[in-house]
Amino acid sequence: MHFGKYLGFFLVSTVKFMFAPFGGPGAHMGFFETYFVCIAGALFSAAFFYFMSEFFMKRAHDKRARIRHAAAERGMPLPEKKKFTKVNKFIIRTKRSFGIYGIAMYAPFFFSVPIGSIIAAKFYGSDRRTFPLIVLGMFVNGMITTGLAYLIYSFF
């Protein structure tokens, strides 16, 4: 067994699933070895961050509130947060154009698994379809990415 090699691919996949399979051919792993190890790492990370997202979002909110409170105590109140910034408008436009399917299936793939899972949970955490769509996205995107990795490797 090549436990160290599998662990390495598993750990890389927990963060950046999009690029992890491309190392498989160079590490002399088979297609399905690479695919399943990368899927396992991505699913582990997605489940952890999706189901812990409420904790992370609450923690970030509390930290911002503490900073705002500390600044106000020193006589330097921070300005209120703008509600209609360019970034917020971009986020809303993205959410409306891609919907639950696009966000749940592709945010963990194109960003990173932790960030994408938290984004999907933030937007659609109350919808029961969200996590199964994340899992489906991992399987589909993993197959495409691993296929591309082995196809490219076969030409070089």
Foldseek 3Di string as FASTA:
>chain_A
DCVVVLVVLLQVLLWALLCSLLCQVVVVHDLVSSLVSSLNSLLVNLVVLLVCLVVVVVVVVVVVVVVQVVCVVVVRHDDDDDDDDPVNVVLVVVCVVQPLLNLLQPQCNPHNSNVSSSSSCVVPVVPPCRSVSNSVSSNVSSNVSNVVSVVVVVVD
